[in-house]
Amino acid sequence: MDASRGEKPTRLTIFNQLLDPKVAEGHVVPSVDDLKDEAFSIVTVAADTTGNAMTIAAYNVISNETIYHKLATELREAFPDPSTTLQFGALERLPYLVRPPVCG
């Protein structure tokens, strides 16, 4: 997408909204510095939240031998070659990986 040539984005992001002066009455388009601050905040919050969730999930999986072995078996059956690149779509279809019992 090249906005300088009038091309529209294929998907909208928060930045499309922030840069659109017509998004709401009285909206002021933020400066580049304000946009950098916003981007930093989004990345930081997302990384911290995701990291904490993954740490707790990993701890619970390795702390429970039954869950660990069932998940390891499911992964080995789905991906018998450990050098294979794991495809997101294939991972999404693994029921125990997507929603193990530690999730409630």
PDB file of N, CA and C in Angstrom:
ATOM      1  N   MET A   1       0.830  -1.168   0.000  1.00  0.00           N
ATOM      2  CA  MET A   1       0.000   0.000   0.000  1.00  0.00           C
ATOM      3  C   MET A   1       0.876   1.233   0.000  1.00  0.00           C
ATOM      4  N   ASP A   2       0.559   2.168  -0.847  1.00  0.00           N
ATOM      5  CA  ASP A   2       1.300   3.419  -0.903  1.00  0.00           C
ATOM      6  C   ASP A   2       0.288   4.563  -0.806  1.00  0.00           C
ATOM      7  N   ALA A   3       0.183   5.135   0.395  1.00  0.00           N
ATOM      8  CA  ALA A   3      -0.798   6.192   0.634  1.00  0.00           C
ATOM      9  C   ALA A   3      -0.510   7.428  -0.207  1.00  0.00           C
ATOM     10  N   SER A   4       0.764   7.646  -0.555  1.00  0.00           N
ATOM     11  CA  SER A   4       1.099   8.832  -1.354  1.00  0.00           C
ATOM     12  C   SER A   4       0.513   8.741  -2.756  1.00  0.00           C
ATOM     13  N   ARG A   5       0.167   7.525  -3.206  1.00  0.00           N
ATOM     14  CA  ARG A   5      -0.449   7.366  -4.529  1.00  0.00           C
ATOM     15  C   ARG A   5      -1.958   7.156  -4.420  1.00  0.00           C
ATOM     16  N   GLY A   6      -2.494   7.380  -3.226  1.00  0.00           N
ATOM     17  CA  GLY A   6      -3.936   7.252  -3.032  1.00  0.00           C
ATOM     18  C   GLY A   6      -4.430   5.830  -2.888  1.00  0.00           C
ATOM     19  N   GLU A   7      -3.526   4.873  -2.672  1.00  0.00           N
ATOM     20  CA  GLU A   7      -3.927   3.477  -2.504  1.00  0.00           C
ATOM     21  C   GLU A   7      -4.535   3.273  -1.119  1.00  0.00           C
ATOM     22  N   LYS A   8      -5.580   2.475  -1.067  1.00  0.00           N
ATOM     23  CA  LYS A   8      -6.234   2.183   0.202  1.00  0.00           C
ATOM     24  C   LYS A   8      -5.603   0.932   0.817  1.00  0.00           C
ATOM     25  N   PRO A   9      -5.530   0.882   2.146  1.00  0.00           N
ATOM     26  CA  PRO A   9      -4.948  -0.299   2.801  1.00  0.00           C
ATOM     27  C   PRO A   9      -5.851  -1.519   2.617  1.00  0.00           C
ATOM     28  N   THR A  10      -5.246  -2.706   2.645  1.00  0.00           N
ATOM     29  CA  THR A  10      -6.026  -3.937   2.520  1.00  0.00           C
ATOM     30  C   THR A  10      -6.727  -4.279   3.824  1.00  0.00           C
ATOM     31  N   ARG A  11      -6.195  -3.789   4.938  1.00  0.00           N
ATOM     32  CA  ARG A  11      -6.865  -3.957   6.231  1.00  0.00           C
ATOM     33  C   ARG A  11      -6.565  -2.717   7.064  1.00  0.00           C
ATOM     34  N   LEU A  12      -7.521  -2.339   7.879  1.00  0.00           N
ATOM     35  CA  LEU A  12      -7.362  -1.133   8.688  1.00  0.00           C
ATOM     36  C   LEU A  12      -6.657  -1.461  10.001  1.00  0.00           C
ATOM     37  N   THR A  13      -5.875  -0.520  10.479  1.00  0.00           N
ATOM     38  CA  THR A  13      -5.211  -0.649  11.770  1.00  0.00           C
ATOM     39  C   THR A  13      -5.594   0.548  12.625  1.00  0.00           C
ATOM     40  N   ILE A  14      -5.161   0.541  13.848  1.00  0.00           N
ATOM     41  CA  ILE A  14      -5.423   1.680  14.722  1.00  0.00           C
ATOM     42  C   ILE A  14      -4.813   2.953  14.140  1.00  0.00           C
ATOM     43  N   PHE A  15      -3.700   2.804  13.423  1.00  0.00           N
ATOM     44  CA  PHE A  15      -3.039   3.976  12.856  1.00  0.00           C
ATOM     45  C   PHE A  15      -3.836   4.586  11.711  1.00  0.00           C
ATOM     46  N   ASN A  16      -4.562   3.761  10.958  1.00  0.00           N
ATOM     47  CA  ASN A  16      -5.447   4.312   9.929  1.00  0.00           C
ATOM     48  C   ASN A  16      -6.487   5.222  10.581  1.00  0.00           C
ATOM     49  N   GLN A  17      -7.016   4.770  11.711  1.00  0.00           N
ATOM     50  CA  GLN A  17      -8.015   5.563  12.419  1.00  0.00           C
ATOM     51  C   GLN A  17      -7.396   6.842  12.980  1.00  0.00           C
ATOM     52  N   LEU A  18      -6.228   6.725  13.587  1.00  0.00           N
ATOM     53  CA  LEU A  18      -5.580   7.895  14.175  1.00  0.00           C
ATOM     54  C   LEU A  18      -5.207   8.937  13.125  1.00  0.00           C
ATOM     55  N   LEU A  19      -4.868   8.496  11.912  1.00  0.00           N
ATOM     56  CA  LEU A  19      -4.435   9.410  10.858  1.00  0.00           C
ATOM     57  C   LEU A  19      -5.582   9.981  10.030  1.00  0.00           C
ATOM     58  N   ASP A  20      -6.803   9.505  10.276  1.00  0.00           N
ATOM     59  CA  ASP A  20      -7.961   9.977   9.508  1.00  0.00           C
ATOM     60  C   ASP A  20      -8.585  11.185  10.202  1.00  0.00           C
ATOM     61  N   PRO A  21      -8.449  12.378   9.604  1.00  0.00           N
ATOM     62  CA  PRO A  21      -8.998  13.570  10.261  1.00  0.00           C
ATOM     63  C   PRO A  21     -10.524  13.563  10.319  1.00  0.00           C
ATOM     64  N   LYS A  22     -11.158  12.685   9.542  1.00  0.00           N
ATOM     65  CA  LYS A  22     -12.622  12.645   9.505  1.00  0.00           C
ATOM     66  C   LYS A  22     -13.200  11.540  10.380  1.00  0.00           C
ATOM     67  N   VAL A  23     -12.364  10.870  11.173  1.00  0.00           N
ATOM     68  CA  VAL A  23     -12.833   9.727  11.959  1.00  0.00           C
ATOM     69  C   VAL A  23     -13.876  10.142  13.003  1.00  0.00           C
ATOM     70  N   ALA A  24     -13.746  11.323  13.559  1.00  0.00           N
ATOM     71  CA  ALA A  24     -14.719  11.823  14.530  1.00  0.00           C
ATOM     72  C   ALA A  24     -14.648  13.336  14.557  1.00  0.00           C
ATOM     73  N   GLU A  25     -15.759  13.931  14.879  1.00  0.00           N
ATOM     74  CA  GLU A  25     -15.799  15.394  14.944  1.00  0.00           C
ATOM     75  C   GLU A  25     -14.826  15.884  16.014  1.00  0.00           C
ATOM     76  N   GLY A  26     -13.982  16.827  15.643  1.00  0.00           N
ATOM     77  CA  GLY A  26     -13.021  17.389  16.577  1.00  0.00           C
ATOM     78  C   GLY A  26     -11.734  16.584  16.708  1.00  0.00           C
ATOM     79  N   HIS A  27     -11.628  15.464  15.977  1.00  0.00           N
ATOM     80  CA  HIS A  27     -10.409  14.647  16.055  1.00  0.00           C
ATOM     81  C   HIS A  27      -9.232  15.406  15.459  1.00  0.00           C
ATOM     82  N   VAL A  28      -8.145  15.428  16.197  1.00  0.00           N
ATOM     83  CA  VAL A  28      -6.920  16.060  15.727  1.00  0.00           C
ATOM     84  C   VAL A  28      -5.928  14.951  15.393  1.00  0.00           C
ATOM     85  N   VAL A  29      -5.405  14.973  14.179  1.00  0.00           N
ATOM     86  CA  VAL A  29      -4.431  13.958  13.758  1.00  0.00           C
ATOM     87  C   VAL A  29      -3.172  14.136  14.600  1.00  0.00           C
ATOM     88  N   PRO A  30      -2.706  13.048  15.245  1.00  0.00           N
ATOM     89  CA  PRO A  30      -1.527  13.156  16.103  1.00  0.00           C
ATOM     90  C   PRO A  30      -0.248  13.388  15.307  1.00  0.00           C
ATOM     91  N   SER A  31       0.745  13.924  16.005  1.00  0.00           N
ATOM     92  CA  SER A  31       2.054  14.149  15.393  1.00  0.00           C
ATOM     93  C   SER A  31       2.785  12.819  15.242  1.00  0.00           C
ATOM     94  N   VAL A  32       3.887  12.844  14.507  1.00  0.00           N
ATOM     95  CA  VAL A  32       4.701  11.639  14.343  1.00  0.00           C
ATOM     96  C   VAL A  32       5.190  11.153  15.702  1.00  0.00           C
ATOM     97  N   ASP A  33       5.609  12.080  16.566  1.00  0.00           N
ATOM     98  CA  ASP A  33       6.060  11.684  17.904  1.00  0.00           C
ATOM     99  C   ASP A  33       4.941  11.030  18.706  1.00  0.00           C
ATOM    100  N   ASP A  34       3.730  11.578  18.611  1.00  0.00           N
ATOM    101  CA  ASP A  34       2.585  10.977  19.303  1.00  0.00           C
ATOM    102  C   ASP A  34       2.292   9.570  18.765  1.00  0.00           C
ATOM    103  N   LEU A  35       2.406   9.400  17.436  1.00  0.00           N
ATOM    104  CA  LEU A  35       2.188   8.084  16.832  1.00  0.00           C
ATOM    105  C   LEU A  35       3.247   7.084  17.297  1.00  0.00           C
ATOM    106  N   LYS A  36       4.488   7.536  17.396  1.00  0.00           N
ATOM    107  CA  LYS A  36       5.555   6.659  17.905  1.00  0.00           C
ATOM    108  C   LYS A  36       5.255   6.228  19.332  1.00  0.00           C
ATOM    109  N   ASP A  37       4.808   7.165  20.171  1.00  0.00           N
ATOM    110  CA  ASP A  37       4.459   6.835  21.552  1.00  0.00           C
ATOM    111  C   ASP A  37       3.318   5.822  21.599  1.00  0.00           C
ATOM    112  N   GLU A  38       2.314   6.022  20.753  1.00  0.00           N
ATOM    113  CA  GLU A  38       1.174   5.107  20.701  1.00  0.00           C
ATOM    114  C   GLU A  38       1.625   3.707  20.285  1.00  0.00           C
ATOM    115  N   ALA A  39       2.472   3.632  19.267  1.00  0.00           N
ATOM    116  CA  ALA A  39       2.981   2.345  18.790  1.00  0.00           C
ATOM    117  C   ALA A  39       3.776   1.638  19.881  1.00  0.00           C
ATOM    118  N   PHE A  40       4.628   2.385  20.567  1.00  0.00           N
ATOM    119  CA  PHE A  40       5.421   1.805  21.649  1.00  0.00           C
ATOM    120  C   PHE A  40       4.511   1.256  22.749  1.00  0.00           C
ATOM    121  N   SER A  41       3.482   1.999  23.102  1.00  0.00           N
ATOM    122  CA  SER A  41       2.550   1.551  24.137  1.00  0.00           C
ATOM    123  C   SER A  41       1.847   0.258  23.735  1.00  0.00           C
ATOM    124  N   ILE A  42       1.379   0.206  22.491  1.00  0.00           N
ATOM    125  CA  ILE A  42       0.669  -0.989  22.014  1.00  0.00           C
ATOM    126  C   ILE A  42       1.581  -2.205  22.023  1.00  0.00           C
ATOM    127  N   VAL A  43       2.784  -2.054  21.503  1.00  0.00           N
ATOM    128  CA  VAL A  43       3.730  -3.178  21.444  1.00  0.00           C
ATOM    129  C   VAL A  43       4.118  -3.631  22.848  1.00  0.00           C
ATOM    130  N   THR A  44       4.394  -2.686  23.723  1.00  0.00           N
ATOM    131  CA  THR A  44       4.805  -3.013  25.086  1.00  0.00           C
ATOM    132  C   THR A  44       3.698  -3.748  25.837  1.00  0.00           C
ATOM    133  N   VAL A  45       2.498  -3.225  25.778  1.00  0.00           N
ATOM    134  CA  VAL A  45       1.383  -3.857  26.480  1.00  0.00           C
ATOM    135  C   VAL A  45       1.112  -5.248  25.923  1.00  0.00           C
ATOM    136  N   ALA A  46       1.109  -5.378  24.613  1.00  0.00           N
ATOM    137  CA  ALA A  46       0.834  -6.681  23.996  1.00  0.00           C
ATOM    138  C   ALA A  46       1.910  -7.696  24.341  1.00  0.00           C
ATOM    139  N   ALA A  47       3.169  -7.285  24.312  1.00  0.00           N
ATOM    140  CA  ALA A  47       4.264  -8.212  24.605  1.00  0.00           C
ATOM    141  C   ALA A  47       4.222  -8.656  26.062  1.00  0.00           C
ATOM    142  N   ASP A  48       3.963  -7.740  26.965  1.00  0.00           N
ATOM    143  CA  ASP A  48       3.939  -8.067  28.382  1.00  0.00           C
ATOM    144  C   ASP A  48       2.784  -9.012  28.707  1.00  0.00           C
ATOM    145  N   THR A  49       1.595  -8.695  28.211  1.00  0.00           N
ATOM    146  CA  THR A  49       0.425  -9.529  28.471  1.00  0.00           C
ATOM    147  C   THR A  49       0.598 -10.927  27.879  1.00  0.00           C
ATOM    148  N   THR A  50       1.028 -10.986  26.636  1.00  0.00           N
ATOM    149  CA  THR A  50       1.235 -12.270  25.968  1.00  0.00           C
ATOM    150  C   THR A  50       2.321 -13.073  26.670  1.00  0.00           C
ATOM    151  N   GLY A  51       3.400 -12.412  27.028  1.00  0.00           N
ATOM    152  CA  GLY A  51       4.497 -13.092  27.712  1.00  0.00           C
ATOM    153  C   GLY A  51       4.065 -13.695  29.037  1.00  0.00           C
ATOM    154  N   ASN A  52       3.290 -12.934  29.803  1.00  0.00           N
ATOM    155  CA  ASN A  52       2.793 -13.461  31.079  1.00  0.00           C
ATOM    156  C   ASN A  52       1.872 -14.656  30.874  1.00  0.00           C
ATOM    157  N   ALA A  53       0.968 -14.558  29.924  1.00  0.00           N
ATOM    158  CA  ALA A  53       0.048 -15.665  29.655  1.00  0.00           C
ATOM    159  C   ALA A  53       0.801 -16.915  29.210  1.00  0.00           C
ATOM    160  N   MET A  54       1.789 -16.753  28.345  1.00  0.00           N
ATOM    161  CA  MET A  54       2.561 -17.896  27.865  1.00  0.00           C
ATOM    162  C   MET A  54       3.398 -18.516  28.984  1.00  0.00           C
ATOM    163  N   THR A  55       3.940 -17.698  29.857  1.00  0.00           N
ATOM    164  CA  THR A  55       4.724 -18.209  30.984  1.00  0.00           C
ATOM    165  C   THR A  55       3.851 -19.062  31.898  1.00  0.00           C
ATOM    166  N   ILE A  56       2.667 -18.581  32.224  1.00  0.00           N
ATOM    167  CA  ILE A  56       1.753 -19.331  33.089  1.00  0.00           C
ATOM    168  C   ILE A  56       1.306 -20.620  32.413  1.00  0.00           C
ATOM    169  N   ALA A  57       0.976 -20.543  31.129  1.00  0.00           N
ATOM    170  CA  ALA A  57       0.542 -21.745  30.395  1.00  0.00           C
ATOM    171  C   ALA A  57       1.668 -22.770  30.339  1.00  0.00           C
ATOM    172  N   ALA A  58       2.883 -22.335  30.009  1.00  0.00           N
ATOM    173  CA  ALA A  58       4.022 -23.262  29.927  1.00  0.00           C
ATOM    174  C   ALA A  58       4.292 -23.905  31.281  1.00  0.00           C
ATOM    175  N   TYR A  59       4.257 -23.119  32.340  1.00  0.00           N
ATOM    176  CA  TYR A  59       4.481 -23.665  33.681  1.00  0.00           C
ATOM    177  C   TYR A  59       3.453 -24.745  34.003  1.00  0.00           C
ATOM    178  N   ASN A  60       2.177 -24.455  33.726  1.00  0.00           N
ATOM    179  CA  ASN A  60       1.120 -25.426  34.042  1.00  0.00           C
ATOM    180  C   ASN A  60       1.241 -26.701  33.219  1.00  0.00           C
ATOM    181  N   VAL A  61       1.656 -26.578  31.969  1.00  0.00           N
ATOM    182  CA  VAL A  61       1.814 -27.769  31.121  1.00  0.00           C
ATOM    183  C   VAL A  61       2.962 -28.634  31.628  1.00  0.00           C
ATOM    184  N   ILE A  62       4.111 -28.037  31.913  1.00  0.00           N
ATOM    185  CA  ILE A  62       5.259 -28.854  32.323  1.00  0.00           C
ATOM    186  C   ILE A  62       5.150 -29.315  33.775  1.00  0.00           C
ATOM    187  N   SER A  63       4.294 -28.681  34.553  1.00  0.00           N
ATOM    188  CA  SER A  63       4.106 -29.097  35.945  1.00  0.00           C
ATOM    189  C   SER A  63       3.177 -30.295  36.076  1.00  0.00           C
ATOM    190  N   ASN A  64       2.405 -30.563  35.041  1.00  0.00           N
ATOM    191  CA  ASN A  64       1.451 -31.674  35.090  1.00  0.00           C
ATOM    192  C   ASN A  64       1.894 -32.724  34.073  1.00  0.00           C
ATOM    193  N   GLU A  65       2.402 -33.830  34.583  1.00  0.00           N
ATOM    194  CA  GLU A  65       2.969 -34.865  33.707  1.00  0.00           C
ATOM    195  C   GLU A  65       1.956 -35.412  32.707  1.00  0.00           C
ATOM    196  N   THR A  66       0.716 -35.592  33.121  1.00  0.00           N
ATOM    197  CA  THR A  66      -0.319 -36.116  32.223  1.00  0.00           C
ATOM    198  C   THR A  66      -0.567 -35.156  31.060  1.00  0.00           C
ATOM    199  N   ILE A  67      -0.733 -33.887  31.383  1.00  0.00           N
ATOM    200  CA  ILE A  67      -0.973 -32.876  30.344  1.00  0.00           C
ATOM    201  C   ILE A  67       0.233 -32.784  29.418  1.00  0.00           C
ATOM    202  N   TYR A  68       1.423 -32.752  30.004  1.00  0.00           N
ATOM    203  CA  TYR A  68       2.653 -32.645  29.210  1.00  0.00           C
ATOM    204  C   TYR A  68       2.760 -33.790  28.200  1.00  0.00           C
ATOM    205  N   HIS A  69       2.555 -35.029  28.663  1.00  0.00           N
ATOM    206  CA  HIS A  69       2.697 -36.179  27.763  1.00  0.00           C
ATOM    207  C   HIS A  69       1.604 -36.207  26.696  1.00  0.00           C
ATOM    208  N   LYS A  70       0.384 -35.836  27.070  1.00  0.00           N
ATOM    209  CA  LYS A  70      -0.701 -35.820  26.078  1.00  0.00           C
ATOM    210  C   LYS A  70      -0.430 -34.763  25.003  1.00  0.00           C
ATOM    211  N   LEU A  71       0.026 -33.593  25.416  1.00  0.00           N
ATOM    212  CA  LEU A  71       0.333 -32.528  24.456  1.00  0.00           C
ATOM    213  C   LEU A  71       1.523 -32.906  23.578  1.00  0.00           C
ATOM    214  N   ALA A  72       2.561 -33.485  24.184  1.00  0.00           N
ATOM    215  CA  ALA A  72       3.738 -33.898  23.414  1.00  0.00           C
ATOM    216  C   ALA A  72       3.361 -34.965  22.386  1.00  0.00           C
ATOM    217  N   THR A  73       2.503 -35.901  22.774  1.00  0.00           N
ATOM    218  CA  THR A  73       2.043 -36.944  21.848  1.00  0.00           C
ATOM    219  C   THR A  73       1.265 -36.331  20.692  1.00  0.00           C
ATOM    220  N   GLU A  74       0.363 -35.410  20.995  1.00  0.00           N
ATOM    221  CA  GLU A  74      -0.425 -34.759  19.947  1.00  0.00           C
ATOM    222  C   GLU A  74       0.493 -34.030  18.952  1.00  0.00           C
ATOM    223  N   LEU A  75       1.489 -33.330  19.459  1.00  0.00           N
ATOM    224  CA  LEU A  75       2.421 -32.608  18.588  1.00  0.00           C
ATOM    225  C   LEU A  75       3.273 -33.556  17.750  1.00  0.00           C
ATOM    226  N   ARG A  76       3.755 -34.647  18.359  1.00  0.00           N
ATOM    227  CA  ARG A  76       4.566 -35.615  17.602  1.00  0.00           C
ATOM    228  C   ARG A  76       3.760 -36.294  16.500  1.00  0.00           C
ATOM    229  N   GLU A  77       2.499 -36.594  16.784  1.00  0.00           N
ATOM    230  CA  GLU A  77       1.644 -37.225  15.768  1.00  0.00           C
ATOM    231  C   GLU A  77       1.342 -36.256  14.620  1.00  0.00           C
ATOM    232  N   ALA A  78       1.132 -35.000  14.945  1.00  0.00           N
ATOM    233  CA  ALA A  78       0.816 -34.007  13.916  1.00  0.00           C
ATOM    234  C   ALA A  78       2.052 -33.600  13.113  1.00  0.00           C
ATOM    235  N   PHE A  79       3.207 -33.614  13.763  1.00  0.00           N
ATOM    236  CA  PHE A  79       4.456 -33.187  13.134  1.00  0.00           C
ATOM    237  C   PHE A  79       5.552 -34.210  13.429  1.00  0.00           C
ATOM    238  N   PRO A  80       5.511 -35.363  12.745  1.00  0.00           N
ATOM    239  CA  PRO A  80       6.484 -36.418  13.035  1.00  0.00           C
ATOM    240  C   PRO A  80       7.933 -36.028  12.718  1.00  0.00           C
ATOM    241  N   ASP A  81       8.128 -35.118  11.780  1.00  0.00           N
ATOM    242  CA  ASP A  81       9.476 -34.660  11.436  1.00  0.00           C
ATOM    243  C   ASP A  81       9.777 -33.388  12.232  1.00  0.00           C
ATOM    244  N   PRO A  82      10.664 -33.469  13.237  1.00  0.00           N
ATOM    245  CA  PRO A  82      10.921 -32.296  14.086  1.00  0.00           C
ATOM    246  C   PRO A  82      11.566 -31.119  13.347  1.00  0.00           C
ATOM    247  N   SER A  83      12.075 -31.338  12.154  1.00  0.00           N
ATOM    248  CA  SER A  83      12.682 -30.236  11.403  1.00  0.00           C
ATOM    249  C   SER A  83      11.662 -29.511  10.516  1.00  0.00           C
ATOM    250  N   THR A  84      10.429 -29.987  10.496  1.00  0.00           N
ATOM    251  CA  THR A  84       9.376 -29.367   9.697  1.00  0.00           C
ATOM    252  C   THR A  84       8.976 -28.024  10.306  1.00  0.00           C
ATOM    253  N   THR A  85       8.723 -27.060   9.449  1.00  0.00           N
ATOM    254  CA  THR A  85       8.201 -25.777   9.914  1.00  0.00           C
ATOM    255  C   THR A  85       6.750 -25.972  10.329  1.00  0.00           C
ATOM    256  N   LEU A  86       6.420 -25.540  11.539  1.00  0.00           N
ATOM    257  CA  LEU A  86       5.055 -25.696  12.040  1.00  0.00           C
ATOM    258  C   LEU A  86       4.166 -24.637  11.393  1.00  0.00           C
ATOM    259  N   GLN A  87       3.088 -25.078  10.773  1.00  0.00           N
ATOM    260  CA  GLN A  87       2.146 -24.172  10.128  1.00  0.00           C
ATOM    261  C   GLN A  87       1.053 -23.779  11.111  1.00  0.00           C
ATOM    262  N   PHE A  88       0.744 -22.488  11.169  1.00  0.00           N
ATOM    263  CA  PHE A  88      -0.235 -21.985  12.123  1.00  0.00           C
ATOM    264  C   PHE A  88      -1.588 -22.692  11.974  1.00  0.00           C
ATOM    265  N   GLY A  89      -2.048 -22.871  10.750  1.00  0.00           N
ATOM    266  CA  GLY A  89      -3.343 -23.527  10.514  1.00  0.00           C
ATOM    267  C   GLY A  89      -3.380 -24.934  11.074  1.00  0.00           C
ATOM    268  N   ALA A  90      -2.292 -25.668  10.910  1.00  0.00           N
ATOM    269  CA  ALA A  90      -2.223 -27.030  11.442  1.00  0.00           C
ATOM    270  C   ALA A  90      -2.213 -27.005  12.969  1.00  0.00           C
ATOM    271  N   LEU A  91      -1.503 -26.072  13.545  1.00  0.00           N
ATOM    272  CA  LEU A  91      -1.464 -25.957  15.008  1.00  0.00           C
ATOM    273  C   LEU A  91      -2.846 -25.618  15.570  1.00  0.00           C
ATOM    274  N   GLU A  92      -3.574 -24.769  14.871  1.00  0.00           N
ATOM    275  CA  GLU A  92      -4.925 -24.384  15.322  1.00  0.00           C
ATOM    276  C   GLU A  92      -5.883 -25.564  15.376  1.00  0.00           C
ATOM    277  N   ARG A  93      -5.620 -26.579  14.589  1.00  0.00           N
ATOM    278  CA  ARG A  93      -6.517 -27.742  14.541  1.00  0.00           C
ATOM    279  C   ARG A  93      -6.177 -28.799  15.586  1.00  0.00           C
ATOM    280  N   LEU A  94      -5.170 -28.561  16.404  1.00  0.00           N
ATOM    281  CA  LEU A  94      -4.807 -29.520  17.448  1.00  0.00           C
ATOM    282  C   LEU A  94      -5.599 -29.188  18.715  1.00  0.00           C
ATOM    283  N   PRO A  95      -6.589 -30.020  19.041  1.00  0.00           N
ATOM    284  CA  PRO A  95      -7.502 -29.669  20.135  1.00  0.00           C
ATOM    285  C   PRO A  95      -6.830 -29.522  21.495  1.00  0.00           C
ATOM    286  N   TYR A  96      -5.893 -30.363  21.802  1.00  0.00           N
ATOM    287  CA  TYR A  96      -5.268 -30.291  23.119  1.00  0.00           C
ATOM    288  C   TYR A  96      -4.336 -29.091  23.221  1.00  0.00           C
ATOM    289  N   LEU A  97      -3.685 -28.729  22.138  1.00  0.00           N
ATOM    290  CA  LEU A  97      -2.822 -27.546  22.130  1.00  0.00           C
ATOM    291  C   LEU A  97      -3.630 -26.268  22.254  1.00  0.00           C
ATOM    292  N   VAL A  98      -4.746 -26.210  21.556  1.00  0.00           N
ATOM    293  CA  VAL A  98      -5.564 -25.003  21.520  1.00  0.00           C
ATOM    294  C   VAL A  98      -6.285 -24.771  22.856  1.00  0.00           C
ATOM    295  N   ARG A  99      -6.742 -25.853  23.467  1.00  0.00           N
ATOM    296  CA  ARG A  99      -7.484 -25.692  24.734  1.00  0.00           C
ATOM    297  C   ARG A  99      -7.210 -26.855  25.681  1.00  0.00           C
ATOM    298  N   PRO A 100      -6.023 -26.850  26.284  1.00  0.00           N
ATOM    299  CA  PRO A 100      -5.738 -27.894  27.257  1.00  0.00           C
ATOM    300  C   PRO A 100      -6.554 -27.686  28.523  1.00  0.00           C
ATOM    301  N   PRO A 101      -6.663 -28.707  29.359  1.00  0.00           N
ATOM    302  CA  PRO A 101      -7.493 -28.588  30.568  1.00  0.00           C
ATOM    303  C   PRO A 101      -7.039 -27.508  31.545  1.00  0.00           C
ATOM    304  N   VAL A 102      -5.766 -27.067  31.460  1.00  0.00           N
ATOM    305  CA  VAL A 102      -5.308 -26.010  32.376  1.00  0.00           C
ATOM    306  C   VAL A 102      -6.011 -24.698  32.088  1.00  0.00           C
ATOM    307  N   CYS A 103      -6.688 -24.594  30.946  1.00  0.00           N
ATOM    308  CA  CYS A 103      -7.399 -23.357  30.602  1.00  0.00           C
ATOM    309  C   CYS A 103      -8.765 -23.296  31.256  1.00  0.00           C
ATOM    310  N   GLY A 104      -9.175 -24.347  31.901  1.00  0.00           N
ATOM    311  CA  GLY A 104     -10.459 -24.320  32.624  1.00  0.00           C
ATOM    312  C   GLY A 104     -11.585 -24.937  31.922  1.00  0.00           C
TER     313      GLY A 104
END
